């Protein structure tokens, strides 16, 4: 169950899709708006759900970075900003298993970004 109003949730989903497809590669404001709205969504969630919200944003950006059908400029912009949800996940990871997952996300990002960019 989402704590965002339906219109805002729908807007966030539309932004996620626009980011994922690289629909406006000349508009970094689109990416910034997506990350801002995602962050707002996370902090409206119970603390136990926040990591998942940030993880979704991380996955969206990682998938975009790895998609050669998306312009290189947009993929590089996503790479430049993927640290935002990743740092949020790291900050919220208190248990050893969660911390291992964060290290794995860093390794995955490092490997894939080298391969695709």
N, C-alpha and C. Protein backbone atom coordinates (compact mmCIF):
# COMPACT_ATOMS: atom_id res chain seq x y z
N UNK A 1 0.84 -1.18 0.00
CA UNK A 1 0.00 0.00 0.00
C UNK A 1 0.89 1.24 0.00
N UNK A 2 0.62 2.14 -0.91
CA UNK A 2 1.43 3.35 -1.05
C UNK A 2 0.84 4.46 -0.20
N UNK A 3 1.72 5.28 0.34
CA UNK A 3 1.24 6.41 1.14
C UNK A 3 1.18 7.68 0.31
N UNK A 4 1.49 7.59 -0.98
CA UNK A 4 1.38 8.75 -1.85
C UNK A 4 -0.04 8.85 -2.38
N UNK A 5 -0.53 10.07 -2.56
CA UNK A 5 -1.82 10.19 -3.23
C UNK A 5 -1.72 9.58 -4.62
N UNK A 6 -2.85 9.10 -5.14
CA UNK A 6 -2.86 8.39 -6.42
C UNK A 6 -2.21 9.22 -7.52
N UNK A 7 -2.55 10.50 -7.63
CA UNK A 7 -2.00 11.34 -8.69
C UNK A 7 -0.47 11.41 -8.57
N UNK A 8 0.04 11.60 -7.36
CA UNK A 8 1.47 11.72 -7.15
C UNK A 8 2.15 10.38 -7.44
N UNK A 9 1.54 9.28 -7.01
CA UNK A 9 2.10 7.95 -7.27
C UNK A 9 2.15 7.70 -8.77
N UNK A 10 1.09 8.06 -9.47
CA UNK A 10 1.05 7.90 -10.92
C UNK A 10 2.11 8.77 -11.58
N UNK A 11 2.29 9.98 -11.09
CA UNK A 11 3.31 10.87 -11.64
C UNK A 11 4.70 10.28 -11.42
N UNK A 12 4.94 9.72 -10.25
CA UNK A 12 6.23 9.11 -9.97
C UNK A 12 6.48 7.93 -10.90
N UNK A 13 5.48 7.10 -11.12
CA UNK A 13 5.63 5.96 -12.03
C UNK A 13 5.90 6.43 -13.45
N UNK A 14 5.22 7.49 -13.88
CA UNK A 14 5.44 8.04 -15.22
C UNK A 14 6.86 8.59 -15.34
N UNK A 15 7.32 9.26 -14.31
CA UNK A 15 8.70 9.77 -14.31
C UNK A 15 9.70 8.62 -14.36
N UNK A 16 9.44 7.57 -13.60
CA UNK A 16 10.34 6.41 -13.60
C UNK A 16 10.44 5.83 -15.01
N UNK A 17 9.32 5.71 -15.69
CA UNK A 17 9.33 5.18 -17.05
C UNK A 17 10.06 6.12 -18.02
N UNK A 18 9.86 7.41 -17.86
CA UNK A 18 10.53 8.39 -18.73
C UNK A 18 12.04 8.35 -18.51
N UNK A 19 12.45 8.20 -17.26
CA UNK A 19 13.88 8.08 -16.94
C UNK A 19 14.41 6.78 -17.53
N UNK A 20 13.70 5.70 -17.31
CA UNK A 20 14.16 4.38 -17.76
C UNK A 20 14.33 4.33 -19.27
N UNK A 21 13.43 4.97 -20.00
CA UNK A 21 13.49 4.94 -21.46
C UNK A 21 14.36 6.06 -22.03
N UNK A 22 14.81 6.97 -21.18
CA UNK A 22 15.63 8.08 -21.65
C UNK A 22 14.88 8.98 -22.61
N UNK A 23 13.63 9.25 -22.28
CA UNK A 23 12.76 9.99 -23.18
C UNK A 23 13.18 11.44 -23.42
N UNK A 24 13.85 12.04 -22.45
CA UNK A 24 14.26 13.44 -22.57
C UNK A 24 15.73 13.57 -22.20
N UNK A 25 16.63 13.06 -23.05
CA UNK A 25 18.05 13.05 -22.68
C UNK A 25 18.66 14.43 -22.48
N UNK A 26 18.02 15.45 -23.00
CA UNK A 26 18.53 16.81 -22.82
C UNK A 26 17.94 17.52 -21.62
N UNK A 27 17.22 16.77 -20.77
CA UNK A 27 16.53 17.39 -19.64
C UNK A 27 16.93 16.73 -18.32
N UNK A 28 18.05 17.14 -17.75
CA UNK A 28 18.44 16.56 -16.45
C UNK A 28 17.41 16.86 -15.36
N UNK A 29 16.61 17.89 -15.55
CA UNK A 29 15.59 18.22 -14.55
C UNK A 29 14.60 17.06 -14.37
N UNK A 30 14.38 16.30 -15.44
CA UNK A 30 13.50 15.13 -15.34
C UNK A 30 14.06 14.13 -14.35
N UNK A 31 15.34 13.85 -14.46
CA UNK A 31 15.99 12.92 -13.55
C UNK A 31 15.98 13.45 -12.12
N UNK A 32 16.29 14.71 -11.95
CA UNK A 32 16.30 15.32 -10.62
C UNK A 32 14.92 15.26 -9.98
N UNK A 33 13.89 15.54 -10.78
CA UNK A 33 12.51 15.50 -10.27
C UNK A 33 12.16 14.08 -9.83
N UNK A 34 12.53 13.11 -10.65
CA UNK A 34 12.27 11.71 -10.31
C UNK A 34 12.93 11.35 -8.98
N UNK A 35 14.20 11.69 -8.84
CA UNK A 35 14.90 11.35 -7.60
C UNK A 35 14.33 12.09 -6.40
N UNK A 36 13.93 13.33 -6.60
CA UNK A 36 13.32 14.10 -5.51
C UNK A 36 12.00 13.47 -5.08
N UNK A 37 11.16 13.15 -6.06
CA UNK A 37 9.86 12.54 -5.72
C UNK A 37 10.04 11.18 -5.08
N UNK A 38 11.02 10.41 -5.55
CA UNK A 38 11.27 9.10 -4.97
C UNK A 38 11.72 9.24 -3.52
N UNK A 39 12.57 10.22 -3.26
CA UNK A 39 13.03 10.47 -1.90
C UNK A 39 11.86 10.87 -0.99
N UNK A 40 10.99 11.73 -1.51
CA UNK A 40 9.81 12.13 -0.74
C UNK A 40 8.92 10.93 -0.45
N UNK A 41 8.77 10.07 -1.45
CA UNK A 41 7.97 8.86 -1.25
C UNK A 41 8.58 7.99 -0.16
N UNK A 42 9.89 7.83 -0.20
CA UNK A 42 10.56 6.98 0.79
C UNK A 42 10.31 7.48 2.20
N UNK A 43 10.39 8.78 2.39
CA UNK A 43 10.25 9.30 3.75
C UNK A 43 8.81 9.44 4.21
N UNK A 44 7.89 9.08 3.33
CA UNK A 44 6.48 8.97 3.75
C UNK A 44 6.15 7.54 4.14
N UNK A 45 7.07 6.63 3.87
CA UNK A 45 6.88 5.21 4.18
C UNK A 45 7.35 4.93 5.60
N UNK A 46 6.87 3.82 6.16
CA UNK A 46 7.44 3.38 7.44
C UNK A 46 8.93 3.10 7.25
N UNK A 47 9.69 3.26 8.28
CA UNK A 47 11.14 3.11 8.19
C UNK A 47 11.55 1.78 7.57
N UNK A 48 10.83 0.72 7.89
CA UNK A 48 11.18 -0.61 7.37
C UNK A 48 11.01 -0.70 5.85
N UNK A 49 10.24 0.17 5.24
CA UNK A 49 9.98 0.12 3.79
C UNK A 49 10.86 1.07 2.99
N UNK A 50 11.57 1.95 3.63
CA UNK A 50 12.33 2.99 2.93
C UNK A 50 13.43 2.42 2.03
N UNK A 51 14.13 1.40 2.53
CA UNK A 51 15.20 0.81 1.71
C UNK A 51 14.65 0.31 0.39
N UNK A 52 13.48 -0.31 0.42
CA UNK A 52 12.87 -0.83 -0.80
C UNK A 52 12.55 0.25 -1.82
N UNK A 53 12.10 1.39 -1.33
CA UNK A 53 11.78 2.50 -2.23
C UNK A 53 13.06 3.01 -2.89
N UNK A 54 14.11 3.17 -2.12
CA UNK A 54 15.39 3.62 -2.68
C UNK A 54 15.98 2.55 -3.61
N UNK A 55 15.77 1.30 -3.26
CA UNK A 55 16.28 0.22 -4.09
C UNK A 55 15.61 0.25 -5.47
N UNK A 56 14.32 0.54 -5.51
CA UNK A 56 13.62 0.65 -6.80
C UNK A 56 14.25 1.72 -7.67
N UNK A 57 14.56 2.87 -7.08
CA UNK A 57 15.19 3.95 -7.85
C UNK A 57 16.58 3.52 -8.32
N UNK A 58 17.33 2.86 -7.46
CA UNK A 58 18.65 2.36 -7.84
C UNK A 58 18.52 1.42 -9.04
N UNK A 59 17.59 0.49 -8.99
CA UNK A 59 17.39 -0.47 -10.08
C UNK A 59 16.97 0.22 -11.37
N UNK A 60 16.11 1.22 -11.26
CA UNK A 60 15.69 1.96 -12.45
C UNK A 60 16.89 2.62 -13.12
N UNK A 61 17.72 3.26 -12.32
CA UNK A 61 18.90 3.93 -12.88
C UNK A 61 19.91 2.92 -13.41
N UNK A 62 20.11 1.82 -12.70
CA UNK A 62 21.06 0.81 -13.16
C UNK A 62 20.59 0.19 -14.48
N UNK A 63 19.33 -0.12 -14.59
CA UNK A 63 18.79 -0.66 -15.84
C UNK A 63 18.97 0.33 -16.98
N UNK A 64 18.79 1.60 -16.70
CA UNK A 64 18.97 2.63 -17.72
C UNK A 64 20.43 2.70 -18.16
N UNK A 65 21.34 2.67 -17.21
CA UNK A 65 22.77 2.71 -17.50
C UNK A 65 23.16 1.55 -18.42
N UNK A 66 22.55 0.41 -18.24
CA UNK A 66 22.90 -0.79 -18.98
C UNK A 66 22.16 -0.94 -20.31
N UNK A 67 21.30 -0.01 -20.64
CA UNK A 67 20.48 -0.11 -21.85
C UNK A 67 21.12 0.67 -23.00
N UNK A 68 21.74 -0.05 -23.92
CA UNK A 68 22.43 0.61 -25.03
C UNK A 68 21.47 1.29 -26.01
N UNK A 69 20.18 1.04 -25.89
CA UNK A 69 19.19 1.73 -26.73
C UNK A 69 18.93 3.16 -26.24
N UNK A 70 19.37 3.45 -25.02
CA UNK A 70 19.22 4.79 -24.44
C UNK A 70 20.49 5.57 -24.76
N UNK A 71 20.34 6.87 -25.00
CA UNK A 71 21.51 7.67 -25.37
C UNK A 71 22.60 7.60 -24.30
N UNK A 72 23.83 7.60 -24.76
CA UNK A 72 24.98 7.53 -23.85
C UNK A 72 24.98 8.69 -22.87
N UNK A 73 24.62 9.87 -23.36
CA UNK A 73 24.56 11.05 -22.49
C UNK A 73 23.62 10.81 -21.31
N UNK A 74 22.45 10.25 -21.57
CA UNK A 74 21.46 10.01 -20.51
C UNK A 74 21.96 8.93 -19.55
N UNK A 75 22.57 7.89 -20.11
CA UNK A 75 23.09 6.82 -19.25
C UNK A 75 24.19 7.35 -18.34
N UNK A 76 25.05 8.23 -18.86
CA UNK A 76 26.11 8.84 -18.03
C UNK A 76 25.50 9.73 -16.95
N UNK A 77 24.45 10.45 -17.29
CA UNK A 77 23.78 11.28 -16.30
C UNK A 77 23.19 10.41 -15.18
N UNK A 78 22.60 9.29 -15.56
CA UNK A 78 22.07 8.37 -14.55
C UNK A 78 23.19 7.82 -13.67
N UNK A 79 24.33 7.50 -14.29
CA UNK A 79 25.48 7.03 -13.52
C UNK A 79 25.95 8.10 -12.54
N UNK A 80 25.95 9.34 -12.97
CA UNK A 80 26.38 10.44 -12.10
C UNK A 80 25.46 10.62 -10.90
N UNK A 81 24.20 10.16 -10.99
CA UNK A 81 23.24 10.39 -9.90
C UNK A 81 22.80 9.12 -9.19
N UNK A 82 23.30 7.97 -9.61
CA UNK A 82 22.87 6.72 -8.97
C UNK A 82 23.33 6.64 -7.52
N UNK A 83 24.32 7.44 -7.17
CA UNK A 83 24.79 7.43 -5.78
C UNK A 83 23.71 7.89 -4.81
N UNK A 84 22.77 8.69 -5.26
CA UNK A 84 21.74 9.20 -4.34
C UNK A 84 20.92 8.07 -3.72
N UNK A 85 20.28 7.23 -4.52
CA UNK A 85 19.55 6.13 -3.86
C UNK A 85 20.49 5.12 -3.21
N UNK A 86 21.69 4.93 -3.78
CA UNK A 86 22.63 3.98 -3.19
C UNK A 86 23.10 4.44 -1.81
N UNK A 87 23.40 5.71 -1.66
CA UNK A 87 23.77 6.24 -0.34
C UNK A 87 22.61 6.15 0.65
N UNK A 88 21.40 6.37 0.16
CA UNK A 88 20.23 6.25 1.04
C UNK A 88 20.07 4.81 1.52
N UNK A 89 20.26 3.86 0.62
CA UNK A 89 20.19 2.44 1.01
C UNK A 89 21.27 2.15 2.05
N UNK A 90 22.47 2.63 1.79
CA UNK A 90 23.58 2.40 2.72
C UNK A 90 23.29 2.99 4.10
N UNK A 91 22.75 4.19 4.11
CA UNK A 91 22.44 4.87 5.37
C UNK A 91 21.38 4.11 6.18
N UNK A 92 20.46 3.45 5.48
CA UNK A 92 19.37 2.74 6.15
C UNK A 92 19.72 1.29 6.46
N UNK A 93 20.89 0.84 6.05
CA UNK A 93 21.29 -0.56 6.24
C UNK A 93 22.03 -0.71 7.56
N UNK A 94 21.35 -1.26 8.52
CA UNK A 94 21.91 -1.37 9.87
C UNK A 94 22.40 -2.79 10.17
N UNK A 95 21.75 -3.78 9.59
CA UNK A 95 22.07 -5.18 9.89
C UNK A 95 23.17 -5.69 8.96
N UNK A 96 23.95 -6.68 9.42
CA UNK A 96 25.04 -7.21 8.60
C UNK A 96 24.58 -7.69 7.21
N UNK A 97 23.45 -8.34 7.13
CA UNK A 97 22.95 -8.81 5.84
C UNK A 97 22.63 -7.67 4.90
N UNK A 98 22.09 -6.61 5.44
CA UNK A 98 21.79 -5.43 4.64
C UNK A 98 23.08 -4.76 4.18
N UNK A 99 24.07 -4.73 5.05
CA UNK A 99 25.35 -4.13 4.69
C UNK A 99 26.06 -4.94 3.61
N UNK A 100 25.92 -6.27 3.66
CA UNK A 100 26.47 -7.12 2.60
C UNK A 100 25.79 -6.82 1.27
N UNK A 101 24.48 -6.62 1.32
CA UNK A 101 23.74 -6.30 0.10
C UNK A 101 24.24 -4.98 -0.49
N UNK A 102 24.51 -4.00 0.34
CA UNK A 102 25.02 -2.71 -0.14
C UNK A 102 26.37 -2.91 -0.83
N UNK A 103 27.25 -3.69 -0.23
CA UNK A 103 28.55 -3.96 -0.86
C UNK A 103 28.36 -4.64 -2.21
N UNK A 104 27.39 -5.55 -2.28
CA UNK A 104 27.10 -6.23 -3.54
C UNK A 104 26.57 -5.23 -4.58
N UNK A 105 25.76 -4.28 -4.16
CA UNK A 105 25.25 -3.26 -5.09
C UNK A 105 26.39 -2.41 -5.64
N UNK A 106 27.33 -2.06 -4.79
CA UNK A 106 28.51 -1.30 -5.25
C UNK A 106 29.30 -2.11 -6.29
N UNK A 107 29.51 -3.40 -6.00
CA UNK A 107 30.25 -4.25 -6.95
C UNK A 107 29.51 -4.37 -8.28
N UNK A 108 28.21 -4.58 -8.19
CA UNK A 108 27.39 -4.71 -9.39
C UNK A 108 27.45 -3.42 -10.22
N UNK A 109 27.31 -2.29 -9.56
CA UNK A 109 27.38 -1.00 -10.26
C UNK A 109 28.74 -0.82 -10.91
N UNK A 110 29.79 -1.12 -10.19
CA UNK A 110 31.14 -0.95 -10.73
C UNK A 110 31.35 -1.83 -11.96
N UNK A 111 30.96 -3.06 -11.87
CA UNK A 111 31.15 -4.00 -12.98
C UNK A 111 30.31 -3.59 -14.20
N UNK A 112 29.03 -3.37 -13.99
CA UNK A 112 28.14 -3.08 -15.10
C UNK A 112 28.44 -1.73 -15.75
N UNK A 113 28.76 -0.74 -14.95
CA UNK A 113 29.03 0.59 -15.54
C UNK A 113 30.29 0.55 -16.41
N UNK A 114 31.28 -0.24 -16.01
CA UNK A 114 32.48 -0.40 -16.83
C UNK A 114 32.16 -1.09 -18.15
N UNK A 115 31.30 -2.06 -18.08
CA UNK A 115 30.95 -2.84 -19.26
C UNK A 115 30.09 -2.02 -20.24
N UNK A 116 29.11 -1.31 -19.73
CA UNK A 116 28.13 -0.62 -20.59
C UNK A 116 28.51 0.80 -20.93
N UNK A 117 29.40 1.40 -20.18
CA UNK A 117 29.79 2.78 -20.50
C UNK A 117 31.25 2.79 -20.75
